[in-house]
N, C-alpha and C. Protein backbone atom coordinates (compact mmCIF):
# COMPACT_ATOMS: atom_id res chain seq x y z
N UNK A 1 47.68 27.69 20.08
CA UNK A 1 46.83 27.17 19.05
C UNK A 1 47.23 27.77 17.71
N UNK A 2 47.53 26.93 16.74
CA UNK A 2 47.94 27.35 15.41
C UNK A 2 46.69 27.68 14.59
N UNK A 3 46.57 28.92 14.12
CA UNK A 3 45.38 29.33 13.38
C UNK A 3 45.67 29.57 11.90
N UNK A 4 46.75 29.05 11.38
CA UNK A 4 47.04 29.23 9.97
C UNK A 4 46.03 28.45 9.14
N UNK A 5 45.87 28.84 7.92
CA UNK A 5 44.90 28.20 7.03
C UNK A 5 45.24 26.72 6.82
N UNK A 6 46.53 26.39 6.79
CA UNK A 6 46.94 24.99 6.64
C UNK A 6 46.53 24.17 7.86
N UNK A 7 46.71 24.74 9.03
CA UNK A 7 46.33 24.03 10.26
C UNK A 7 44.83 23.83 10.32
N UNK A 8 44.08 24.86 9.94
CA UNK A 8 42.61 24.75 9.95
C UNK A 8 42.16 23.69 8.95
N UNK A 9 42.74 23.70 7.77
CA UNK A 9 42.40 22.71 6.74
C UNK A 9 42.72 21.30 7.23
N UNK A 10 43.88 21.14 7.83
CA UNK A 10 44.27 19.83 8.36
C UNK A 10 43.32 19.37 9.45
N UNK A 11 42.91 20.28 10.33
CA UNK A 11 41.99 19.94 11.41
C UNK A 11 40.64 19.48 10.86
N UNK A 12 40.15 20.18 9.88
CA UNK A 12 38.86 19.81 9.29
C UNK A 12 38.96 18.46 8.59
N UNK A 13 40.04 18.24 7.85
CA UNK A 13 40.22 16.96 7.17
C UNK A 13 40.29 15.81 8.16
N UNK A 14 41.01 15.99 9.23
CA UNK A 14 41.15 14.95 10.23
C UNK A 14 39.81 14.65 10.90
N UNK A 15 39.05 15.67 11.21
CA UNK A 15 37.77 15.48 11.89
C UNK A 15 36.71 14.90 10.96
N UNK A 16 36.79 15.20 9.68
CA UNK A 16 35.75 14.77 8.76
C UNK A 16 36.03 13.43 8.07
N UNK A 17 37.21 12.91 8.20
CA UNK A 17 37.52 11.62 7.57
C UNK A 17 36.54 10.51 7.99
N UNK A 18 36.20 10.38 9.28
CA UNK A 18 35.23 9.34 9.67
C UNK A 18 33.81 9.60 9.16
N UNK A 19 33.54 10.80 8.69
CA UNK A 19 32.20 11.11 8.19
C UNK A 19 31.87 10.24 6.97
N UNK A 20 32.86 9.86 6.22
CA UNK A 20 32.61 8.98 5.08
C UNK A 20 32.07 7.63 5.56
N UNK A 21 32.52 7.19 6.71
CA UNK A 21 31.98 5.96 7.30
C UNK A 21 30.52 6.18 7.71
N UNK A 22 30.20 7.37 8.17
CA UNK A 22 28.81 7.68 8.52
C UNK A 22 27.89 7.58 7.30
N UNK A 23 28.41 7.91 6.13
CA UNK A 23 27.63 7.76 4.91
C UNK A 23 27.32 6.29 4.67
N UNK A 24 28.28 5.43 4.89
CA UNK A 24 28.05 3.99 4.75
C UNK A 24 27.04 3.49 5.77
N UNK A 25 27.12 4.02 6.99
CA UNK A 25 26.18 3.64 8.05
C UNK A 25 24.76 4.02 7.63
N UNK A 26 24.58 5.24 7.14
CA UNK A 26 23.26 5.71 6.73
C UNK A 26 22.73 4.90 5.54
N UNK A 27 23.59 4.57 4.61
CA UNK A 27 23.18 3.77 3.45
C UNK A 27 22.74 2.38 3.88
N UNK A 28 23.48 1.79 4.81
CA UNK A 28 23.11 0.47 5.30
C UNK A 28 21.78 0.51 6.05
N UNK A 29 21.57 1.53 6.86
CA UNK A 29 20.29 1.67 7.57
C UNK A 29 19.14 1.76 6.57
N UNK A 30 19.35 2.51 5.51
CA UNK A 30 18.32 2.64 4.48
C UNK A 30 18.02 1.29 3.82
N UNK A 31 19.05 0.55 3.49
CA UNK A 31 18.86 -0.76 2.84
C UNK A 31 18.17 -1.74 3.78
N UNK A 32 18.59 -1.76 5.03
CA UNK A 32 17.99 -2.69 6.00
C UNK A 32 16.52 -2.31 6.26
N UNK A 33 16.25 -1.02 6.33
CA UNK A 33 14.88 -0.58 6.56
C UNK A 33 13.96 -1.05 5.44
N UNK A 34 14.45 -1.02 4.22
CA UNK A 34 13.66 -1.53 3.09
C UNK A 34 13.38 -3.01 3.22
N UNK A 35 14.39 -3.77 3.62
CA UNK A 35 14.20 -5.21 3.82
C UNK A 35 13.23 -5.48 4.95
N UNK A 36 13.35 -4.71 6.03
CA UNK A 36 12.45 -4.86 7.16
C UNK A 36 11.00 -4.56 6.75
N UNK A 37 10.81 -3.49 6.01
CA UNK A 37 9.46 -3.13 5.56
C UNK A 37 8.84 -4.23 4.71
N UNK A 38 9.61 -4.80 3.81
CA UNK A 38 9.08 -5.89 2.96
C UNK A 38 8.74 -7.12 3.79
N UNK A 39 9.56 -7.45 4.76
CA UNK A 39 9.27 -8.61 5.63
C UNK A 39 8.00 -8.39 6.44
N UNK A 40 7.87 -7.20 7.00
CA UNK A 40 6.69 -6.90 7.82
C UNK A 40 5.43 -6.90 6.94
N UNK A 41 5.51 -6.29 5.76
CA UNK A 41 4.35 -6.29 4.87
C UNK A 41 3.95 -7.71 4.47
N UNK A 42 4.93 -8.54 4.17
CA UNK A 42 4.64 -9.92 3.79
C UNK A 42 4.00 -10.68 4.96
N UNK A 43 4.55 -10.52 6.14
CA UNK A 43 4.01 -11.20 7.31
C UNK A 43 2.58 -10.75 7.57
N UNK A 44 2.31 -9.47 7.47
CA UNK A 44 0.95 -8.95 7.70
C UNK A 44 -0.02 -9.49 6.66
N UNK A 45 0.40 -9.53 5.41
CA UNK A 45 -0.48 -10.02 4.35
C UNK A 45 -0.83 -11.49 4.58
N UNK A 46 0.16 -12.28 4.96
CA UNK A 46 -0.10 -13.70 5.21
C UNK A 46 -1.00 -13.88 6.42
N UNK A 47 -0.70 -13.20 7.50
CA UNK A 47 -1.53 -13.30 8.71
C UNK A 47 -2.96 -12.83 8.44
N UNK A 48 -3.10 -11.80 7.62
CA UNK A 48 -4.43 -11.31 7.27
C UNK A 48 -5.22 -12.38 6.51
N UNK A 49 -4.57 -13.03 5.55
CA UNK A 49 -5.23 -14.10 4.80
C UNK A 49 -5.62 -15.26 5.71
N UNK A 50 -4.73 -15.59 6.64
CA UNK A 50 -5.02 -16.68 7.57
C UNK A 50 -6.22 -16.31 8.45
N UNK A 51 -6.21 -15.08 8.98
CA UNK A 51 -7.28 -14.65 9.89
C UNK A 51 -8.63 -14.52 9.19
N UNK A 52 -8.62 -14.20 7.90
CA UNK A 52 -9.88 -14.11 7.16
C UNK A 52 -10.45 -15.49 6.85
N UNK A 53 -9.63 -16.51 6.99
CA UNK A 53 -10.08 -17.87 6.71
C UNK A 53 -10.21 -18.16 5.22
N UNK A 54 -9.44 -17.44 4.41
CA UNK A 54 -9.50 -17.60 2.96
C UNK A 54 -8.95 -18.95 2.50
N UNK A 55 -8.05 -19.52 3.30
CA UNK A 55 -7.38 -20.75 2.89
C UNK A 55 -7.97 -21.91 3.69
N UNK A 56 -8.39 -22.93 2.96
CA UNK A 56 -8.98 -24.11 3.61
C UNK A 56 -8.05 -25.31 3.58
N UNK A 57 -7.15 -25.36 2.62
CA UNK A 57 -6.23 -26.50 2.47
C UNK A 57 -5.22 -26.49 3.62
N UNK A 58 -5.16 -27.58 4.37
CA UNK A 58 -4.28 -27.66 5.55
C UNK A 58 -2.81 -27.54 5.18
N UNK A 59 -2.43 -28.11 4.05
CA UNK A 59 -1.02 -28.05 3.64
C UNK A 59 -0.61 -26.61 3.30
N UNK A 60 -1.47 -25.91 2.59
CA UNK A 60 -1.18 -24.51 2.25
C UNK A 60 -1.20 -23.65 3.50
N UNK A 61 -2.15 -23.91 4.39
CA UNK A 61 -2.23 -23.16 5.64
C UNK A 61 -0.98 -23.35 6.49
N UNK A 62 -0.49 -24.58 6.54
CA UNK A 62 0.74 -24.86 7.28
C UNK A 62 1.92 -24.10 6.66
N UNK A 63 1.99 -24.09 5.34
CA UNK A 63 3.05 -23.37 4.64
C UNK A 63 2.97 -21.86 4.93
N UNK A 64 1.75 -21.34 4.97
CA UNK A 64 1.58 -19.91 5.24
C UNK A 64 2.04 -19.55 6.65
N UNK A 65 1.71 -20.40 7.62
CA UNK A 65 2.17 -20.16 8.99
C UNK A 65 3.70 -20.18 9.06
N UNK A 66 4.29 -21.14 8.36
CA UNK A 66 5.75 -21.24 8.35
C UNK A 66 6.37 -20.00 7.71
N UNK A 67 5.81 -19.55 6.59
CA UNK A 67 6.36 -18.38 5.92
C UNK A 67 6.20 -17.11 6.77
N UNK A 68 5.07 -16.99 7.45
CA UNK A 68 4.87 -15.83 8.33
C UNK A 68 5.87 -15.85 9.48
N UNK A 69 6.13 -17.02 10.04
CA UNK A 69 7.12 -17.13 11.11
C UNK A 69 8.51 -16.77 10.62
N UNK A 70 8.83 -17.21 9.41
CA UNK A 70 10.14 -16.88 8.83
C UNK A 70 10.26 -15.38 8.58
N UNK A 71 9.18 -14.74 8.14
CA UNK A 71 9.21 -13.29 7.94
C UNK A 71 9.41 -12.57 9.27
N UNK A 72 8.84 -13.11 10.33
CA UNK A 72 9.02 -12.51 11.65
C UNK A 72 10.49 -12.63 12.10
N UNK A 73 11.09 -13.76 11.87
CA UNK A 73 12.51 -13.94 12.21
C UNK A 73 13.37 -12.98 11.40
N UNK A 74 13.07 -12.85 10.12
CA UNK A 74 13.81 -11.91 9.28
C UNK A 74 13.67 -10.48 9.80
N UNK A 75 12.48 -10.14 10.25
CA UNK A 75 12.25 -8.81 10.82
C UNK A 75 13.09 -8.58 12.06
N UNK A 76 13.19 -9.60 12.89
CA UNK A 76 14.02 -9.48 14.10
C UNK A 76 15.49 -9.31 13.74
N UNK A 77 15.94 -10.03 12.74
CA UNK A 77 17.34 -9.88 12.30
C UNK A 77 17.58 -8.47 11.77
N UNK A 78 16.66 -7.96 10.97
CA UNK A 78 16.80 -6.60 10.44
C UNK A 78 16.82 -5.57 11.57
N UNK A 79 15.96 -5.76 12.57
CA UNK A 79 15.91 -4.84 13.70
C UNK A 79 17.23 -4.85 14.47
N UNK A 80 17.78 -6.03 14.67
CA UNK A 80 19.08 -6.14 15.35
C UNK A 80 20.18 -5.45 14.54
N UNK A 81 20.15 -5.64 13.23
CA UNK A 81 21.16 -5.01 12.37
C UNK A 81 21.04 -3.49 12.44
N UNK A 82 19.82 -2.97 12.43
CA UNK A 82 19.62 -1.53 12.53
C UNK A 82 20.14 -1.02 13.87
N UNK A 83 19.86 -1.77 14.94
CA UNK A 83 20.34 -1.38 16.27
C UNK A 83 21.86 -1.22 16.28
N UNK A 84 22.57 -2.21 15.77
CA UNK A 84 24.03 -2.14 15.78
C UNK A 84 24.55 -1.08 14.81
N UNK A 85 23.84 -0.86 13.73
CA UNK A 85 24.25 0.17 12.78
C UNK A 85 24.09 1.56 13.39
N UNK A 86 23.01 1.77 14.13
CA UNK A 86 22.81 3.05 14.80
C UNK A 86 23.89 3.25 15.89
N UNK A 87 24.18 2.19 16.65
CA UNK A 87 25.27 2.29 17.62
C UNK A 87 26.58 2.68 16.94
N UNK A 88 26.83 2.08 15.80
CA UNK A 88 28.03 2.41 15.03
C UNK A 88 28.03 3.89 14.68
N UNK A 89 26.91 4.39 14.21
CA UNK A 89 26.81 5.81 13.86
C UNK A 89 27.05 6.72 15.05
N UNK A 90 26.56 6.33 16.21
CA UNK A 90 26.76 7.13 17.42
C UNK A 90 28.26 7.19 17.77
N UNK A 91 28.93 6.05 17.73
CA UNK A 91 30.35 6.03 18.09
C UNK A 91 31.22 6.73 17.05
N UNK A 92 30.87 6.59 15.78
CA UNK A 92 31.62 7.31 14.75
C UNK A 92 31.40 8.81 14.90
N UNK A 93 30.18 9.22 15.23
CA UNK A 93 29.90 10.64 15.46
C UNK A 93 30.68 11.17 16.65
N UNK A 94 30.77 10.37 17.71
CA UNK A 94 31.58 10.77 18.86
C UNK A 94 33.04 10.94 18.45
N UNK A 95 33.52 10.06 17.60
CA UNK A 95 34.90 10.16 17.12
C UNK A 95 35.11 11.48 16.38
N UNK A 96 34.15 11.83 15.52
CA UNK A 96 34.26 13.08 14.77
C UNK A 96 34.29 14.27 15.73
N UNK A 97 33.40 14.26 16.71
CA UNK A 97 33.39 15.37 17.69
C UNK A 97 34.69 15.43 18.48
N UNK A 98 35.17 14.29 18.93
CA UNK A 98 36.42 14.26 19.69
C UNK A 98 37.58 14.80 18.86
N UNK A 99 37.67 14.34 17.62
CA UNK A 99 38.77 14.80 16.77
C UNK A 99 38.66 16.30 16.50
N UNK A 100 37.46 16.76 16.24
CA UNK A 100 37.28 18.18 15.96
C UNK A 100 37.67 19.04 17.17
N UNK A 101 37.13 18.69 18.34
CA UNK A 101 37.44 19.48 19.54
C UNK A 101 38.91 19.36 19.93
N UNK A 102 39.47 18.19 19.75
CA UNK A 102 40.88 18.00 20.07
C UNK A 102 41.76 18.83 19.14
N UNK A 103 41.47 18.76 17.86
CA UNK A 103 42.29 19.49 16.88
C UNK A 103 42.08 21.00 16.98
N UNK A 104 40.89 21.41 17.37
CA UNK A 104 40.61 22.84 17.50
C UNK A 104 41.20 23.41 18.77
N UNK A 105 41.67 22.53 19.66
CA UNK A 105 42.26 22.99 20.91
C UNK A 105 41.23 23.34 21.97
N UNK A 106 39.97 23.02 21.72
CA UNK A 106 38.91 23.35 22.68
C UNK A 106 38.99 22.47 23.92
N UNK A 107 39.49 21.27 23.74
CA UNK A 107 39.59 20.34 24.87
C UNK A 107 41.03 19.87 24.93
N UNK A 108 41.70 20.22 25.97
CA UNK A 108 43.10 19.82 26.09
C UNK A 108 43.26 18.52 26.87
N UNK A 109 42.26 18.19 27.64
CA UNK A 109 42.39 16.99 28.48
C UNK A 109 41.89 15.72 27.79
N UNK A 110 41.45 15.86 26.55
CA UNK A 110 40.97 14.68 25.82
C UNK A 110 42.13 13.73 25.56
N UNK A 111 41.94 12.51 25.93
CA UNK A 111 43.00 11.54 25.72
C UNK A 111 42.78 10.83 24.38
N UNK A 112 43.86 10.51 23.73
CA UNK A 112 43.76 9.85 22.44
C UNK A 112 43.12 8.48 22.56
N UNK A 113 43.16 7.88 23.75
CA UNK A 113 42.53 6.57 23.95
C UNK A 113 41.03 6.65 23.69
N UNK A 114 40.39 7.78 24.03
CA UNK A 114 38.96 7.94 23.78
C UNK A 114 38.67 7.89 22.29
N UNK A 115 39.47 8.59 21.54
CA UNK A 115 39.28 8.64 20.08
C UNK A 115 39.45 7.24 19.50
N UNK A 116 40.48 6.55 19.94
CA UNK A 116 40.73 5.20 19.44
C UNK A 116 39.58 4.29 19.78
N UNK A 117 39.13 4.32 21.04
CA UNK A 117 38.05 3.42 21.46
C UNK A 117 36.73 3.72 20.78
N UNK A 118 36.37 4.98 20.62
CA UNK A 118 35.10 5.28 19.97
C UNK A 118 35.14 4.87 18.50
N UNK A 119 36.28 5.08 17.85
CA UNK A 119 36.38 4.68 16.44
C UNK A 119 36.36 3.15 16.30
N UNK A 120 37.11 2.47 17.15
CA UNK A 120 37.14 1.00 17.09
C UNK A 120 35.76 0.42 17.39
N UNK A 121 35.08 0.94 18.41
CA UNK A 121 33.74 0.45 18.74
C UNK A 121 32.77 0.73 17.59
N UNK A 122 32.91 1.89 16.96
CA UNK A 122 32.07 2.19 15.80
C UNK A 122 32.27 1.18 14.68
N UNK A 123 33.52 0.83 14.42
CA UNK A 123 33.81 -0.17 13.39
C UNK A 123 33.32 -1.56 13.78
N UNK A 124 33.49 -1.93 15.04
CA UNK A 124 33.03 -3.24 15.51
C UNK A 124 31.51 -3.35 15.38
N UNK A 125 30.79 -2.30 15.79
CA UNK A 125 29.34 -2.33 15.67
C UNK A 125 28.90 -2.34 14.21
N UNK A 126 29.63 -1.64 13.35
CA UNK A 126 29.32 -1.65 11.92
C UNK A 126 29.52 -3.06 11.34
N UNK A 127 30.62 -3.70 11.71
CA UNK A 127 30.87 -5.07 11.23
C UNK A 127 29.83 -6.04 11.78
N UNK A 128 29.40 -5.82 13.02
CA UNK A 128 28.34 -6.66 13.60
C UNK A 128 27.06 -6.51 12.79
N UNK A 129 26.72 -5.27 12.47
CA UNK A 129 25.53 -5.01 11.67
C UNK A 129 25.63 -5.68 10.29
N UNK A 130 26.79 -5.56 9.67
CA UNK A 130 26.98 -6.21 8.36
C UNK A 130 26.84 -7.72 8.47
N UNK A 131 27.36 -8.30 9.54
CA UNK A 131 27.25 -9.75 9.74
C UNK A 131 25.79 -10.17 9.91
N UNK A 132 25.03 -9.39 10.64
CA UNK A 132 23.61 -9.71 10.83
C UNK A 132 22.86 -9.57 9.51
N UNK A 133 23.19 -8.55 8.73
CA UNK A 133 22.56 -8.39 7.42
C UNK A 133 22.88 -9.61 6.54
N UNK A 134 24.11 -10.06 6.57
CA UNK A 134 24.48 -11.24 5.80
C UNK A 134 23.66 -12.45 6.26
N UNK A 135 23.53 -12.62 7.57
CA UNK A 135 22.73 -13.74 8.10
C UNK A 135 21.27 -13.63 7.64
N UNK A 136 20.73 -12.42 7.63
CA UNK A 136 19.34 -12.23 7.19
C UNK A 136 19.18 -12.54 5.72
N UNK A 137 20.12 -12.13 4.90
CA UNK A 137 20.05 -12.40 3.46
C UNK A 137 20.13 -13.90 3.20
N UNK A 138 21.03 -14.58 3.88
CA UNK A 138 21.15 -16.04 3.72
C UNK A 138 19.87 -16.71 4.20
N UNK A 139 19.34 -16.27 5.34
CA UNK A 139 18.10 -16.84 5.86
C UNK A 139 16.94 -16.60 4.89
N UNK A 140 16.88 -15.40 4.33
CA UNK A 140 15.82 -15.08 3.37
C UNK A 140 15.90 -15.99 2.14
N UNK A 141 17.09 -16.21 1.66
CA UNK A 141 17.26 -17.08 0.49
C UNK A 141 16.86 -18.51 0.83
N UNK A 142 17.30 -18.99 1.98
CA UNK A 142 17.01 -20.38 2.36
C UNK A 142 15.53 -20.59 2.66
N UNK A 143 14.85 -19.54 3.14
CA UNK A 143 13.44 -19.69 3.48
C UNK A 143 12.52 -19.33 2.33
N UNK A 144 13.10 -18.95 1.19
CA UNK A 144 12.27 -18.60 0.04
C UNK A 144 11.41 -19.81 -0.35
N UNK A 145 10.22 -19.52 -0.76
CA UNK A 145 9.26 -20.59 -1.06
C UNK A 145 9.49 -21.25 -2.39
N UNK A 146 10.62 -21.92 -2.51
CA UNK A 146 10.91 -22.62 -3.78
C UNK A 146 9.97 -23.80 -3.96
N UNK A 147 9.58 -24.41 -2.87
CA UNK A 147 8.73 -25.61 -2.95
C UNK A 147 7.35 -25.32 -2.35
N UNK A 148 6.71 -24.31 -2.84
CA UNK A 148 5.40 -23.97 -2.31
C UNK A 148 4.37 -24.97 -2.81
N UNK A 149 3.39 -25.26 -1.98
CA UNK A 149 2.34 -26.22 -2.39
C UNK A 149 1.50 -25.64 -3.55
N UNK A 150 0.94 -26.52 -4.35
CA UNK A 150 0.06 -26.07 -5.44
C UNK A 150 -1.13 -25.33 -4.85
N UNK A 151 -1.50 -24.24 -5.50
CA UNK A 151 -2.62 -23.45 -5.04
C UNK A 151 -2.22 -22.32 -4.12
N UNK A 152 -0.93 -22.24 -3.78
CA UNK A 152 -0.45 -21.16 -2.92
C UNK A 152 -0.04 -20.00 -3.80
N UNK A 153 -0.86 -18.96 -3.83
CA UNK A 153 -0.56 -17.82 -4.69
C UNK A 153 -0.63 -16.49 -3.94
N UNK A 154 -0.59 -16.53 -2.66
CA UNK A 154 -0.71 -15.29 -1.86
C UNK A 154 0.64 -14.63 -1.73
């Protein structure tokens, strides 16, 4: 095991390079969580108004049910995106651990295939999460109440 300062520096750099991807994962989770919270709050507010019987107009009531259903779908998309983003974080973290232990010489039997697969799976799950976020944003735009009935101000 080479313990020179250059070798140690190289080992740390190699192990920490994927950590920058973890920063992106955490940032995406934060952004998706905000979108999820807004969707859930909107759905609850609409359902609360419906349950209180505040709205008597059938057309507005129908629109409110549709908007609440759309908010629920958006919430499910956000939840799926968070799931895949967390999976991405787990696999990227495994990659960091594998690289660190491999470079430190603590594990000699670690095969490079493990490092490759955990990193690739981390990237695939991250891309899946990004794709779901894109789908949610497009769905949110398309379901926006551009043509809300008159009198709908909730």
